[in-house]
PDB file of all heavy atoms in Angstrom:
ATOM      1  N   THR A   1      -2.915   9.081  -3.443  1.00  0.00           N
ATOM      2  CA  THR A   1      -1.995  10.220  -3.542  1.00  0.00           C
ATOM      3  C   THR A   1      -1.380  10.554  -2.258  1.00  0.00           C
ATOM      4  O   THR A   1      -0.100  10.775  -2.120  1.00  0.00           O
ATOM      5  CB  THR A   1      -2.764  11.428  -4.128  1.00  0.00           C
ATOM      6  OG1 THR A   1      -3.242  11.153  -5.437  1.00  0.00           O
ATOM      7  CG2 THR A   1      -1.815  12.618  -4.237  1.00  0.00           C
ATOM      8  N   CYS A   2      -2.153  10.631  -1.213  1.00  0.00           N
ATOM      9  CA  CYS A   2      -1.653  10.922   0.159  1.00  0.00           C
ATOM     10  C   CYS A   2      -0.649   9.818   0.561  1.00  0.00           C
ATOM     11  O   CYS A   2       0.345  10.052   1.166  1.00  0.00           O
ATOM     12  CB  CYS A   2      -2.754  10.995   1.147  1.00  0.00           C
ATOM     13  SG  CYS A   2      -3.695  12.488   0.945  1.00  0.00           S
ATOM     14  N   PHE A   3      -1.057   8.518   0.316  1.00  0.00           N
ATOM     15  CA  PHE A   3      -0.183   7.438   0.698  1.00  0.00           C
ATOM     16  C   PHE A   3       1.178   7.500  -0.064  1.00  0.00           C
ATOM     17  O   PHE A   3       2.248   7.292   0.564  1.00  0.00           O
ATOM     18  CB  PHE A   3      -0.790   6.063   0.385  1.00  0.00           C
ATOM     19  CG  PHE A   3       0.074   4.945   0.626  1.00  0.00           C
ATOM     20  CD1 PHE A   3       0.337   4.507   1.914  1.00  0.00           C
ATOM     21  CD2 PHE A   3       0.758   4.334  -0.395  1.00  0.00           C
ATOM     22  CE1 PHE A   3       1.247   3.497   2.188  1.00  0.00           C
ATOM     23  CE2 PHE A   3       1.633   3.268  -0.094  1.00  0.00           C
ATOM     24  CZ  PHE A   3       1.837   2.843   1.149  1.00  0.00           C
ATOM     25  N   HIS A   4       1.115   7.843  -1.361  1.00  0.00           N
ATOM     26  CA  HIS A   4       2.342   7.953  -2.114  1.00  0.00           C
ATOM     27  C   HIS A   4       3.256   9.029  -1.534  1.00  0.00           C
ATOM     28  O   HIS A   4       4.425   8.785  -1.357  1.00  0.00           O
ATOM     29  CB  HIS A   4       2.013   8.278  -3.571  1.00  0.00           C
ATOM     30  CG  HIS A   4       3.224   8.424  -4.421  1.00  0.00           C
ATOM     31  ND1 HIS A   4       4.049   7.347  -4.765  1.00  0.00           N
ATOM     32  CD2 HIS A   4       3.862   9.597  -4.949  1.00  0.00           C
ATOM     33  CE1 HIS A   4       5.045   7.850  -5.500  1.00  0.00           C
ATOM     34  NE2 HIS A   4       4.940   9.149  -5.645  1.00  0.00           N
ATOM     35  N   ARG A   5       2.698  10.182  -1.141  1.00  0.00           N
ATOM     36  CA  ARG A   5       3.482  11.262  -0.590  1.00  0.00           C
ATOM     37  C   ARG A   5       4.128  10.821   0.786  1.00  0.00           C
ATOM     38  O   ARG A   5       5.240  11.018   1.065  1.00  0.00           O
ATOM     39  CB  ARG A   5       2.583  12.445  -0.339  1.00  0.00           C
ATOM     40  CG  ARG A   5       2.469  13.310  -1.495  1.00  0.00           C
ATOM     41  CD  ARG A   5       1.838  14.689  -1.125  1.00  0.00           C
ATOM     42  NE  ARG A   5       0.865  15.005  -2.163  1.00  0.00           N
ATOM     43  CZ  ARG A   5      -0.445  15.224  -1.931  1.00  0.00           C
ATOM     44  NH1 ARG A   5      -0.865  15.255  -0.771  1.00  0.00           N
ATOM     45  NH2 ARG A   5      -1.223  15.558  -2.934  1.00  0.00           N
ATOM     46  N   PHE A   6       3.275  10.139   1.581  1.00  0.00           N
ATOM     47  CA  PHE A   6       3.791   9.539   2.857  1.00  0.00           C
ATOM     48  C   PHE A   6       4.943   8.640   2.624  1.00  0.00           C
ATOM     49  O   PHE A   6       6.016   8.757   3.229  1.00  0.00           O
ATOM     50  CB  PHE A   6       2.629   8.897   3.547  1.00  0.00           C
ATOM     51  CG  PHE A   6       3.073   7.965   4.674  1.00  0.00           C
ATOM     52  CD1 PHE A   6       3.457   8.488   5.935  1.00  0.00           C
ATOM     53  CD2 PHE A   6       3.108   6.584   4.493  1.00  0.00           C
ATOM     54  CE1 PHE A   6       3.882   7.643   6.957  1.00  0.00           C
ATOM     55  CE2 PHE A   6       3.486   5.728   5.519  1.00  0.00           C
ATOM     56  CZ  PHE A   6       3.862   6.284   6.784  1.00  0.00           C
ATOM     57  N   TYR A   7       4.760   7.644   1.742  1.00  0.00           N
ATOM     58  CA  TYR A   7       5.764   6.621   1.517  1.00  0.00           C
ATOM     59  C   TYR A   7       6.991   7.167   0.895  1.00  0.00           C
ATOM     60  O   TYR A   7       8.097   6.701   1.177  1.00  0.00           O
ATOM     61  CB  TYR A   7       5.181   5.554   0.660  1.00  0.00           C
ATOM     62  CG  TYR A   7       5.964   4.246   0.661  1.00  0.00           C
ATOM     63  CD1 TYR A   7       5.900   3.386   1.763  1.00  0.00           C
ATOM     64  CD2 TYR A   7       6.844   3.913  -0.320  1.00  0.00           C
ATOM     65  CE1 TYR A   7       6.540   2.196   1.784  1.00  0.00           C
ATOM     66  CE2 TYR A   7       7.597   2.769  -0.337  1.00  0.00           C
ATOM     67  CZ  TYR A   7       7.455   1.881   0.720  1.00  0.00           C
ATOM     68  OH  TYR A   7       8.227   0.722   0.772  1.00  0.00           O
ATOM     69  N   ASP A   8       6.866   8.256   0.103  1.00  0.00           N
ATOM     70  CA  ASP A   8       8.027   8.831  -0.525  1.00  0.00           C
ATOM     71  C   ASP A   8       8.838   9.649   0.442  1.00  0.00           C
ATOM     72  O   ASP A   8      10.066   9.737   0.286  1.00  0.00           O
ATOM     73  CB  ASP A   8       7.520   9.783  -1.675  1.00  0.00           C
ATOM     74  CG  ASP A   8       8.596  10.271  -2.570  1.00  0.00           C
ATOM     75  OD1 ASP A   8       9.474   9.443  -2.952  1.00  0.00           O
ATOM     76  OD2 ASP A   8       8.614  11.462  -2.897  1.00  0.00           O
ATOM     77  N   LYS A   9       8.217  10.280   1.438  1.00  0.00           N
ATOM     78  CA  LYS A   9       8.884  11.110   2.370  1.00  0.00           C
ATOM     79  C   LYS A   9       9.313  10.515   3.721  1.00  0.00           C
ATOM     80  O   LYS A   9      10.246  11.007   4.353  1.00  0.00           O
ATOM     81  CB  LYS A   9       8.078  12.351   2.691  1.00  0.00           C
ATOM     82  CG  LYS A   9       7.840  13.243   1.483  1.00  0.00           C
ATOM     83  CD  LYS A   9       6.981  14.465   1.835  1.00  0.00           C
ATOM     84  CE  LYS A   9       6.823  15.314   0.595  1.00  0.00           C
ATOM     85  NZ  LYS A   9       5.926  16.462   0.843  1.00  0.00           N
ATOM     86  N   ILE A  10       8.582   9.528   4.124  1.00  0.00           N
ATOM     87  CA  ILE A  10       8.811   8.891   5.459  1.00  0.00           C
ATOM     88  C   ILE A  10       9.533   7.572   5.411  1.00  0.00           C
ATOM     89  O   ILE A  10       9.149   6.713   4.613  1.00  0.00           O
ATOM     90  CB  ILE A  10       7.411   8.734   6.141  1.00  0.00           C
ATOM     91  CG1 ILE A  10       6.689  10.045   6.314  1.00  0.00           C
ATOM     92  CG2 ILE A  10       7.671   8.068   7.586  1.00  0.00           C
ATOM     93  CD1 ILE A  10       7.349  11.079   7.155  1.00  0.00           C
ATOM     94  N   ARG A  11      10.583   7.492   6.242  1.00  0.00           N
ATOM     95  CA  ARG A  11      11.179   6.158   6.330  1.00  0.00           C
ATOM     96  C   ARG A  11      10.329   5.254   7.203  1.00  0.00           C
ATOM     97  O   ARG A  11      10.165   5.546   8.477  1.00  0.00           O
ATOM     98  CB  ARG A  11      12.597   6.310   6.980  1.00  0.00           C
ATOM     99  CG  ARG A  11      13.338   5.055   7.046  1.00  0.00           C
ATOM    100  CD  ARG A  11      14.792   5.270   7.499  1.00  0.00           C
ATOM    101  NE  ARG A  11      15.497   4.039   7.489  1.00  0.00           N
ATOM    102  CZ  ARG A  11      16.734   3.847   7.906  1.00  0.00           C
ATOM    103  NH1 ARG A  11      17.387   4.951   8.243  1.00  0.00           N
ATOM    104  NH2 ARG A  11      17.277   2.715   7.828  1.00  0.00           N
ATOM    105  N   VAL A  12       9.780   4.241   6.658  1.00  0.00           N
ATOM    106  CA  VAL A  12       8.763   3.400   7.365  1.00  0.00           C
ATOM    107  C   VAL A  12       9.439   2.596   8.438  1.00  0.00           C
ATOM    108  O   VAL A  12       9.064   2.638   9.647  1.00  0.00           O
ATOM    109  CB  VAL A  12       8.004   2.498   6.370  1.00  0.00           C
ATOM    110  CG1 VAL A  12       7.063   1.597   7.102  1.00  0.00           C
ATOM    111  CG2 VAL A  12       7.244   3.327   5.376  1.00  0.00           C
ATOM    112  N   VAL A  13      10.446   1.883   8.107  1.00  0.00           N
ATOM    113  CA  VAL A  13      11.070   0.999   9.122  1.00  0.00           C
ATOM    114  C   VAL A  13      12.423   1.637   9.501  1.00  0.00           C
ATOM    115  O   VAL A  13      13.257   1.846   8.689  1.00  0.00           O
ATOM    116  CB  VAL A  13      11.331  -0.464   8.549  1.00  0.00           C
ATOM    117  CG1 VAL A  13      12.034  -1.265   9.559  1.00  0.00           C
ATOM    118  CG2 VAL A  13      10.006  -1.060   8.178  1.00  0.00           C
ATOM    119  N   ASP A  14      12.449   1.897  10.764  1.00  0.00           N
ATOM    120  CA  ASP A  14      13.707   2.515  11.329  1.00  0.00           C
ATOM    121  C   ASP A  14      14.114   1.656  12.586  1.00  0.00           C
ATOM    122  O   ASP A  14      13.357   1.596  13.592  1.00  0.00           O
ATOM    123  CB  ASP A  14      13.475   3.960  11.737  1.00  0.00           C
ATOM    124  CG  ASP A  14      14.687   4.661  12.261  1.00  0.00           C
ATOM    125  OD1 ASP A  14      15.695   3.960  12.605  1.00  0.00           O
ATOM    126  OD2 ASP A  14      14.753   5.858  12.228  1.00  0.00           O
ATOM    127  N   PRO A  15      15.229   0.969  12.527  1.00  0.00           N
ATOM    128  CA  PRO A  15      15.585   0.114  13.649  1.00  0.00           C
ATOM    129  C   PRO A  15      15.658   0.834  14.995  1.00  0.00           C
ATOM    130  O   PRO A  15      15.471   0.180  16.030  1.00  0.00           O
ATOM    131  CB  PRO A  15      16.967  -0.459  13.226  1.00  0.00           C
ATOM    132  CG  PRO A  15      16.994  -0.366  11.789  1.00  0.00           C
ATOM    133  CD  PRO A  15      16.222   0.884  11.407  1.00  0.00           C
ATOM    134  N   ALA A  16      15.947   2.064  14.980  1.00  0.00           N
ATOM    135  CA  ALA A  16      16.076   2.914  16.253  1.00  0.00           C
ATOM    136  C   ALA A  16      14.663   3.238  16.772  1.00  0.00           C
ATOM    137  O   ALA A  16      14.555   3.599  17.901  1.00  0.00           O
ATOM    138  CB  ALA A  16      16.848   4.150  15.967  1.00  0.00           C
ATOM    139  N   LEU A  17      13.651   3.142  15.936  1.00  0.00           N
ATOM    140  CA  LEU A  17      12.294   3.494  16.323  1.00  0.00           C
ATOM    141  C   LEU A  17      11.278   2.379  16.127  1.00  0.00           C
ATOM    142  O   LEU A  17      10.462   2.397  15.282  1.00  0.00           O
ATOM    143  CB  LEU A  17      11.857   4.711  15.551  1.00  0.00           C
ATOM    144  CG  LEU A  17      12.711   5.966  15.630  1.00  0.00           C
ATOM    145  CD1 LEU A  17      12.309   7.025  14.609  1.00  0.00           C
ATOM    146  CD2 LEU A  17      12.638   6.551  17.070  1.00  0.00           C
ATOM    147  N   THR A  18      11.479   1.302  16.931  1.00  0.00           N
ATOM    148  CA  THR A  18      10.747   0.051  16.703  1.00  0.00           C
ATOM    149  C   THR A  18       9.206   0.285  16.851  1.00  0.00           C
ATOM    150  O   THR A  18       8.454  -0.130  15.946  1.00  0.00           O
ATOM    151  CB  THR A  18      11.143  -0.960  17.733  1.00  0.00           C
ATOM    152  OG1 THR A  18      12.554  -1.155  17.685  1.00  0.00           O
ATOM    153  CG2 THR A  18      10.444  -2.298  17.506  1.00  0.00           C
ATOM    154  N   ARG A  19       8.770   0.964  17.868  1.00  0.00           N
ATOM    155  CA  ARG A  19       7.316   1.155  18.036  1.00  0.00           C
ATOM    156  C   ARG A  19       6.723   2.004  16.871  1.00  0.00           C
ATOM    157  O   ARG A  19       5.656   1.699  16.327  1.00  0.00           O
ATOM    158  CB  ARG A  19       7.011   1.839  19.361  1.00  0.00           C
ATOM    159  CG  ARG A  19       5.568   2.005  19.597  1.00  0.00           C
ATOM    160  CD  ARG A  19       5.220   2.482  20.926  1.00  0.00           C
ATOM    161  NE  ARG A  19       3.846   2.641  21.054  1.00  0.00           N
ATOM    162  CZ  ARG A  19       3.229   3.332  22.044  1.00  0.00           C
ATOM    163  NH1 ARG A  19       3.971   3.911  23.027  1.00  0.00           N
ATOM    164  NH2 ARG A  19       1.931   3.485  22.073  1.00  0.00           N
ATOM    165  N   LEU A  20       7.396   3.067  16.507  1.00  0.00           N
ATOM    166  CA  LEU A  20       6.951   3.934  15.441  1.00  0.00           C
ATOM    167  C   LEU A  20       6.952   3.212  14.136  1.00  0.00           C
ATOM    168  O   LEU A  20       5.990   3.344  13.360  1.00  0.00           O
ATOM    169  CB  LEU A  20       7.831   5.219  15.369  1.00  0.00           C
ATOM    170  CG  LEU A  20       7.428   6.269  14.285  1.00  0.00           C
ATOM    171  CD1 LEU A  20       5.987   6.749  14.593  1.00  0.00           C
ATOM    172  CD2 LEU A  20       8.408   7.407  14.298  1.00  0.00           C
ATOM    173  N   SER A  21       7.983   2.358  13.924  1.00  0.00           N
ATOM    174  CA  SER A  21       7.972   1.544  12.735  1.00  0.00           C
ATOM    175  C   SER A  21       6.739   0.547  12.658  1.00  0.00           C
ATOM    176  O   SER A  21       6.132   0.498  11.564  1.00  0.00           O
ATOM    177  CB  SER A  21       9.247   0.701  12.656  1.00  0.00           C
ATOM    178  OG  SER A  21      10.386   1.545  12.480  1.00  0.00           O
ATOM    179  N   CYS A  22       6.371  -0.031  13.774  1.00  0.00           N
ATOM    180  CA  CYS A  22       5.259  -0.895  13.841  1.00  0.00           C
ATOM    181  C   CYS A  22       3.916  -0.129  13.536  1.00  0.00           C
ATOM    182  O   CYS A  22       3.084  -0.588  12.827  1.00  0.00           O
ATOM    183  CB  CYS A  22       5.137  -1.568  15.166  1.00  0.00           C
ATOM    184  SG  CYS A  22       6.397  -2.860  15.445  1.00  0.00           S
ATOM    185  N   GLU A  23       3.890   1.119  14.090  1.00  0.00           N
ATOM    186  CA  GLU A  23       2.685   1.926  13.864  1.00  0.00           C
ATOM    187  C   GLU A  23       2.542   2.289  12.366  1.00  0.00           C
ATOM    188  O   GLU A  23       1.512   2.295  11.784  1.00  0.00           O
ATOM    189  CB  GLU A  23       2.702   3.147  14.728  1.00  0.00           C
ATOM    190  CG  GLU A  23       2.523   2.809  16.212  1.00  0.00           C
ATOM    191  CD  GLU A  23       2.850   3.951  17.137  1.00  0.00           C
ATOM    192  OE1 GLU A  23       3.382   4.957  16.732  1.00  0.00           O
ATOM    193  OE2 GLU A  23       2.586   3.777  18.369  1.00  0.00           O
ATOM    194  N   ARG A  24       3.719   2.667  11.784  1.00  0.00           N
ATOM    195  CA  ARG A  24       3.701   2.986  10.375  1.00  0.00           C
ATOM    196  C   ARG A  24       3.373   1.821   9.522  1.00  0.00           C
ATOM    197  O   ARG A  24       2.581   1.969   8.529  1.00  0.00           O
ATOM    198  CB  ARG A  24       5.075   3.568   9.945  1.00  0.00           C
ATOM    199  CG  ARG A  24       5.355   4.966  10.518  1.00  0.00           C
ATOM    200  CD  ARG A  24       6.714   5.367  10.274  1.00  0.00           C
ATOM    201  NE  ARG A  24       6.896   6.753  10.760  1.00  0.00           N
ATOM    202  CZ  ARG A  24       8.093   7.359  10.878  1.00  0.00           C
ATOM    203  NH1 ARG A  24       9.213   6.736  10.526  1.00  0.00           N
ATOM    204  NH2 ARG A  24       8.140   8.602  11.360  1.00  0.00           N
ATOM    205  N   LEU A  25       3.872   0.652   9.869  1.00  0.00           N
ATOM    206  CA  LEU A  25       3.475  -0.558   9.091  1.00  0.00           C
ATOM    207  C   LEU A  25       1.978  -0.876   9.232  1.00  0.00           C
ATOM    208  O   LEU A  25       1.337  -1.268   8.243  1.00  0.00           O
ATOM    209  CB  LEU A  25       4.311  -1.750   9.575  1.00  0.00           C
ATOM    210  CG  LEU A  25       5.784  -1.759   9.109  1.00  0.00           C
ATOM    211  CD1 LEU A  25       6.582  -2.790   9.833  1.00  0.00           C
ATOM    212  CD2 LEU A  25       5.926  -1.898   7.653  1.00  0.00           C
ATOM    213  N   ALA A  26       1.384  -0.608  10.405  1.00  0.00           N
ATOM    214  CA  ALA A  26      -0.035  -0.830  10.607  1.00  0.00           C
ATOM    215  C   ALA A  26      -0.833   0.158   9.770  1.00  0.00           C
ATOM    216  O   ALA A  26      -1.840  -0.164   9.224  1.00  0.00           O
ATOM    217  CB  ALA A  26      -0.373  -0.670  12.080  1.00  0.00           C
ATOM    218  N   LEU A  27      -0.297   1.436   9.675  1.00  0.00           N
ATOM    219  CA  LEU A  27      -0.969   2.434   8.839  1.00  0.00           C
ATOM    220  C   LEU A  27      -0.970   2.036   7.336  1.00  0.00           C
ATOM    221  O   LEU A  27      -1.956   2.116   6.662  1.00  0.00           O
ATOM    222  CB  LEU A  27      -0.291   3.772   9.028  1.00  0.00           C
ATOM    223  CG  LEU A  27      -0.820   4.949   8.212  1.00  0.00           C
ATOM    224  CD1 LEU A  27      -2.242   5.235   8.573  1.00  0.00           C
ATOM    225  CD2 LEU A  27       0.062   6.140   8.363  1.00  0.00           C
ATOM    226  N   ILE A  28       0.153   1.443   6.953  1.00  0.00           N
ATOM    227  CA  ILE A  28       0.303   1.004   5.565  1.00  0.00           C
ATOM    228  C   ILE A  28      -0.697  -0.183   5.272  1.00  0.00           C
ATOM    229  O   ILE A  28      -1.388  -0.209   4.288  1.00  0.00           O
ATOM    230  CB  ILE A  28       1.770   0.594   5.218  1.00  0.00           C
ATOM    231  CG1 ILE A  28       2.610   1.812   5.114  1.00  0.00           C
ATOM    232  CG2 ILE A  28       1.864  -0.262   3.950  1.00  0.00           C
ATOM    233  CD1 ILE A  28       4.049   1.565   5.107  1.00  0.00           C
ATOM    234  N   ASP A  29      -0.767  -1.098   6.222  1.00  0.00           N
ATOM    235  CA  ASP A  29      -1.667  -2.214   6.069  1.00  0.00           C
ATOM    236  C   ASP A  29      -3.126  -1.786   6.056  1.00  0.00           C
ATOM    237  O   ASP A  29      -3.948  -2.255   5.239  1.00  0.00           O
ATOM    238  CB  ASP A  29      -1.434  -3.256   7.162  1.00  0.00           C
ATOM    239  CG  ASP A  29      -2.073  -4.624   6.872  1.00  0.00           C
ATOM    240  OD1 ASP A  29      -1.958  -5.009   5.656  1.00  0.00           O
ATOM    241  OD2 ASP A  29      -2.588  -5.203   7.685  1.00  0.00           O
ATOM    242  N   ALA A  30      -3.460  -0.808   6.900  1.00  0.00           N
ATOM    243  CA  ALA A  30      -4.865  -0.326   6.901  1.00  0.00           C
ATOM    244  C   ALA A  30      -5.201   0.439   5.571  1.00  0.00           C
ATOM    245  O   ALA A  30      -6.302   0.225   5.040  1.00  0.00           O
ATOM    246  CB  ALA A  30      -4.995   0.754   8.062  1.00  0.00           C
ATOM    247  N   THR A  31      -4.199   1.099   5.070  1.00  0.00           N
ATOM    248  CA  THR A  31      -4.374   1.812   3.771  1.00  0.00           C
ATOM    249  C   THR A  31      -4.581   0.764   2.648  1.00  0.00           C
ATOM    250  O   THR A  31      -5.457   0.881   1.817  1.00  0.00           O
ATOM    251  CB  THR A  31      -3.208   2.705   3.433  1.00  0.00           C
ATOM    252  OG1 THR A  31      -3.036   3.674   4.462  1.00  0.00           O
ATOM    253  CG2 THR A  31      -3.407   3.478   2.133  1.00  0.00           C
ATOM    254  N   ARG A  32      -3.803  -0.336   2.726  1.00  0.00           N
ATOM    255  CA  ARG A  32      -3.924  -1.421   1.701  1.00  0.00           C
ATOM    256  C   ARG A  32      -5.348  -2.002   1.722  1.00  0.00           C
ATOM    257  O   ARG A  32      -5.988  -2.211   0.708  1.00  0.00           O
ATOM    258  CB  ARG A  32      -2.934  -2.503   2.010  1.00  0.00           C
ATOM    259  CG  ARG A  32      -3.022  -3.720   1.139  1.00  0.00           C
ATOM    260  CD  ARG A  32      -2.151  -4.873   1.582  1.00  0.00           C
ATOM    261  NE  ARG A  32      -2.535  -5.366   2.889  1.00  0.00           N
ATOM    262  CZ  ARG A  32      -3.618  -6.128   3.136  1.00  0.00           C
ATOM    263  NH1 ARG A  32      -4.410  -6.526   2.142  1.00  0.00           N
ATOM    264  NH2 ARG A  32      -3.919  -6.531   4.359  1.00  0.00           N
TER     265      ARG A  32
END
């Protein structure tokens, strides 16, 4: 449920925020 809320509200990959995008992808992989 928390992951769904996160994924629904947050833009995971943002070309302007490379490091943050990598961190968000790592969070998604850890959740998986």
